Amino acid sequence: MKRFLLVLFAVFGFAFAAYAAKDVKDGNAYVKAVEKDQFLFQGNPLGKNMLLGSLQELKDEGKLTGVVLRNPDKASAEHKHLLKVIADYLQITAYSGDGKDLQPLAAE
């Protein structure tokens, strides 16, 4: 029974890691603007400070060179500004758009 539980937790761990990894591709972290000042990243709604911490950790691991706002048409000017400030602080590039056509993010 212990082995079964161990294997079950391992499978869930690998599945979650694969799910979470889809938001980081080619050195870019893909985020969506959701509520007032929150972003959806790796399946979790994060405030600006939590997003900064998550991106900082990825940058420290050498996995991050940029951040992409997936839904710039639905994002407020505040979302764009916050993401640009976070990117500038981390010294990474901020983009908007989908994975194919990335444009530099201009804070409004």
C-alpha atoms as a PDB file:
ATOM      1  CA  MET A   1       0.000   0.000   0.000  1.00  0.00           C
ATOM      2  CA  LYS A   2       2.870   2.390   0.784  1.00  0.00           C
ATOM      3  CA  ARG A   3       4.459   1.689  -2.580  1.00  0.00           C
ATOM      4  CA  PHE A   4       1.171   2.322  -4.339  1.00  0.00           C
ATOM      5  CA  LEU A   5       0.801   5.695  -2.617  1.00  0.00           C
ATOM      6  CA  LEU A   6       4.403   6.597  -3.358  1.00  0.00           C
ATOM      7  CA  VAL A   7       3.953   5.763  -7.034  1.00  0.00           C
ATOM      8  CA  LEU A   8       0.663   7.659  -7.127  1.00  0.00           C
ATOM      9  CA  PHE A   9       2.258  10.803  -5.650  1.00  0.00           C
ATOM     10  CA  ALA A  10       5.185  10.495  -8.062  1.00  0.00           C
ATOM     11  CA  VAL A  11       2.834  10.294 -11.039  1.00  0.00           C
ATOM     12  CA  PHE A  12       0.892  13.332  -9.846  1.00  0.00           C
ATOM     13  CA  GLY A  13       4.166  15.182  -9.273  1.00  0.00           C
ATOM     14  CA  PHE A  14       5.369  14.514 -12.805  1.00  0.00           C
ATOM     15  CA  ALA A  15       1.978  15.438 -14.244  1.00  0.00           C
ATOM     16  CA  PHE A  16       1.967  18.736 -12.346  1.00  0.00           C
ATOM     17  CA  ALA A  17       5.534  19.494 -13.421  1.00  0.00           C
ATOM     18  CA  ALA A  18       4.588  18.915 -17.055  1.00  0.00           C
ATOM     19  CA  TYR A  19       1.493  21.098 -16.664  1.00  0.00           C
ATOM     20  CA  ALA A  20       3.431  23.882 -14.963  1.00  0.00           C
ATOM     21  CA  ALA A  21       6.225  23.736 -17.539  1.00  0.00           C
ATOM     22  CA  LYS A  22       3.862  24.646 -20.378  1.00  0.00           C
ATOM     23  CA  ASP A  23       3.883  28.253 -19.178  1.00  0.00           C
ATOM     24  CA  VAL A  24       7.646  28.498 -19.707  1.00  0.00           C
ATOM     25  CA  LYS A  25       8.825  27.971 -23.295  1.00  0.00           C
ATOM     26  CA  ASP A  26      12.041  29.005 -25.007  1.00  0.00           C
ATOM     27  CA  GLY A  27      13.096  31.061 -22.001  1.00  0.00           C
ATOM     28  CA  ASN A  28       9.838  33.022 -21.849  1.00  0.00           C
ATOM     29  CA  ALA A  29       7.242  32.845 -19.096  1.00  0.00           C
ATOM     30  CA  TYR A  30       3.696  33.158 -20.443  1.00  0.00           C
ATOM     31  CA  VAL A  31       1.217  34.959 -18.173  1.00  0.00           C
ATOM     32  CA  LYS A  32      -2.404  36.046 -18.563  1.00  0.00           C
ATOM     33  CA  ALA A  33      -3.958  39.131 -17.044  1.00  0.00           C
ATOM     34  CA  VAL A  34      -6.989  38.093 -15.008  1.00  0.00           C
ATOM     35  CA  GLU A  35      -8.460  40.226 -12.242  1.00  0.00           C
ATOM     36  CA  LYS A  36      -7.655  43.770 -11.158  1.00  0.00           C
ATOM     37  CA  ASP A  37      -3.929  43.338 -10.544  1.00  0.00           C
ATOM     38  CA  GLN A  38      -3.549  39.572 -10.818  1.00  0.00           C
ATOM     39  CA  PHE A  39      -1.925  37.332 -13.376  1.00  0.00           C
ATOM     40  CA  LEU A  40      -2.490  33.660 -14.171  1.00  0.00           C
ATOM     41  CA  PHE A  41       0.831  31.792 -14.215  1.00  0.00           C
ATOM     42  CA  GLN A  42       1.339  28.035 -14.014  1.00  0.00           C
ATOM     43  CA  GLY A  43      -2.337  27.536 -13.265  1.00  0.00           C
ATOM     44  CA  ASN A  44      -2.388  29.892 -10.276  1.00  0.00           C
ATOM     45  CA  PRO A  45      -3.717  33.434  -9.977  1.00  0.00           C
ATOM     46  CA  LEU A  46      -0.856  35.500  -8.584  1.00  0.00           C
ATOM     47  CA  GLY A  47      -0.605  39.067  -7.403  1.00  0.00           C
ATOM     48  CA  LYS A  48       2.272  41.241  -8.527  1.00  0.00           C
ATOM     49  CA  ASN A  49       4.551  40.269  -5.625  1.00  0.00           C
ATOM     50  CA  MET A  50       3.940  36.539  -6.002  1.00  0.00           C
ATOM     51  CA  LEU A  51       4.491  36.773  -9.755  1.00  0.00           C
ATOM     52  CA  LEU A  52       7.726  38.649  -9.173  1.00  0.00           C
ATOM     53  CA  GLY A  53       8.897  35.931  -6.769  1.00  0.00           C
ATOM     54  CA  SER A  54       8.011  33.130  -9.187  1.00  0.00           C
ATOM     55  CA  LEU A  55       9.763  34.817 -12.100  1.00  0.00           C
ATOM     56  CA  GLN A  56      12.790  35.660  -9.940  1.00  0.00           C
ATOM     57  CA  GLU A  57      13.144  32.000  -8.997  1.00  0.00           C
ATOM     58  CA  LEU A  58      13.025  30.934 -12.658  1.00  0.00           C
ATOM     59  CA  LYS A  59      15.555  33.603 -13.587  1.00  0.00           C
ATOM     60  CA  ASP A  60      17.892  32.493 -10.805  1.00  0.00           C
ATOM     61  CA  GLU A  61      17.692  28.943 -12.179  1.00  0.00           C
ATOM     62  CA  GLY A  62      18.709  30.265 -15.602  1.00  0.00           C
ATOM     63  CA  LYS A  63      15.420  29.299 -17.240  1.00  0.00           C
ATOM     64  CA  LEU A  64      14.050  32.789 -17.927  1.00  0.00           C
ATOM     65  CA  THR A  65      14.985  35.558 -20.340  1.00  0.00           C
ATOM     66  CA  GLY A  66      11.579  37.131 -20.959  1.00  0.00           C
ATOM     67  CA  VAL A  67       7.932  37.355 -19.950  1.00  0.00           C
ATOM     68  CA  VAL A  68       4.990  37.318 -22.368  1.00  0.00           C
ATOM     69  CA  LEU A  69       1.529  38.761 -21.759  1.00  0.00           C
ATOM     70  CA  ARG A  70      -0.761  36.292 -23.552  1.00  0.00           C
ATOM     71  CA  ASN A  71      -3.911  38.411 -23.662  1.00  0.00           C
ATOM     72  CA  PRO A  72      -2.854  42.021 -24.246  1.00  0.00           C
ATOM     73  CA  ASP A  73      -6.263  42.914 -25.702  1.00  0.00           C
ATOM     74  CA  LYS A  74      -7.983  41.986 -22.405  1.00  0.00           C
ATOM     75  CA  ALA A  75      -5.283  43.391 -20.131  1.00  0.00           C
ATOM     76  CA  SER A  76      -5.688  46.777 -18.519  1.00  0.00           C
ATOM     77  CA  ALA A  77      -3.099  49.524 -18.682  1.00  0.00           C
ATOM     78  CA  GLU A  78      -2.259  48.660 -15.061  1.00  0.00           C
ATOM     79  CA  HIS A  79      -1.542  45.023 -15.990  1.00  0.00           C
ATOM     80  CA  LYS A  80       0.786  46.115 -18.776  1.00  0.00           C
ATOM     81  CA  HIS A  81       2.526  48.629 -16.534  1.00  0.00           C
ATOM     82  CA  LEU A  82       3.018  46.093 -13.726  1.00  0.00           C
ATOM     83  CA  LEU A  83       4.416  43.468 -16.075  1.00  0.00           C
ATOM     84  CA  LYS A  84       6.792  45.991 -17.654  1.00  0.00           C
ATOM     85  CA  VAL A  85       8.002  47.122 -14.204  1.00  0.00           C
ATOM     86  CA  ILE A  86       8.547  43.490 -13.121  1.00  0.00           C
ATOM     87  CA  ALA A  87      10.464  42.737 -16.324  1.00  0.00           C
ATOM     88  CA  ASP A  88      12.630  45.836 -15.934  1.00  0.00           C
ATOM     89  CA  TYR A  89      13.366  44.941 -12.309  1.00  0.00           C
ATOM     90  CA  LEU A  90      14.401  41.395 -13.277  1.00  0.00           C
ATOM     91  CA  GLN A  91      16.318  42.710 -16.295  1.00  0.00           C
ATOM     92  CA  ILE A  92      14.378  40.539 -18.732  1.00  0.00           C
ATOM     93  CA  THR A  93      12.372  41.464 -21.811  1.00  0.00           C
ATOM     94  CA  ALA A  94       8.601  41.967 -21.714  1.00  0.00           C
ATOM     95  CA  TYR A  95       6.530  40.913 -24.730  1.00  0.00           C
ATOM     96  CA  SER A  96       2.877  40.712 -25.656  1.00  0.00           C
ATOM     97  CA  GLY A  97       1.090  38.381 -28.037  1.00  0.00           C
ATOM     98  CA  ASP A  98       0.881  34.668 -28.599  1.00  0.00           C
ATOM     99  CA  GLY A  99       3.828  32.331 -29.043  1.00  0.00           C
ATOM    100  CA  LYS A 100       4.200  33.011 -32.762  1.00  0.00           C
ATOM    101  CA  ASP A 101       4.157  36.800 -33.025  1.00  0.00           C
ATOM    102  CA  LEU A 102       5.771  38.487 -30.029  1.00  0.00           C
ATOM    103  CA  GLN A 103       5.835  42.265 -29.817  1.00  0.00           C
ATOM    104  CA  PRO A 104       7.740  44.282 -27.217  1.00  0.00           C
ATOM    105  CA  LEU A 105       5.365  45.262 -24.431  1.00  0.00           C
ATOM    106  CA  ALA A 106       4.844  48.988 -24.211  1.00  0.00           C
ATOM    107  CA  ALA A 107       3.522  50.214 -20.860  1.00  0.00           C
ATOM    108  CA  GLU A 108       0.639  52.579 -21.385  1.00  0.00           C
END
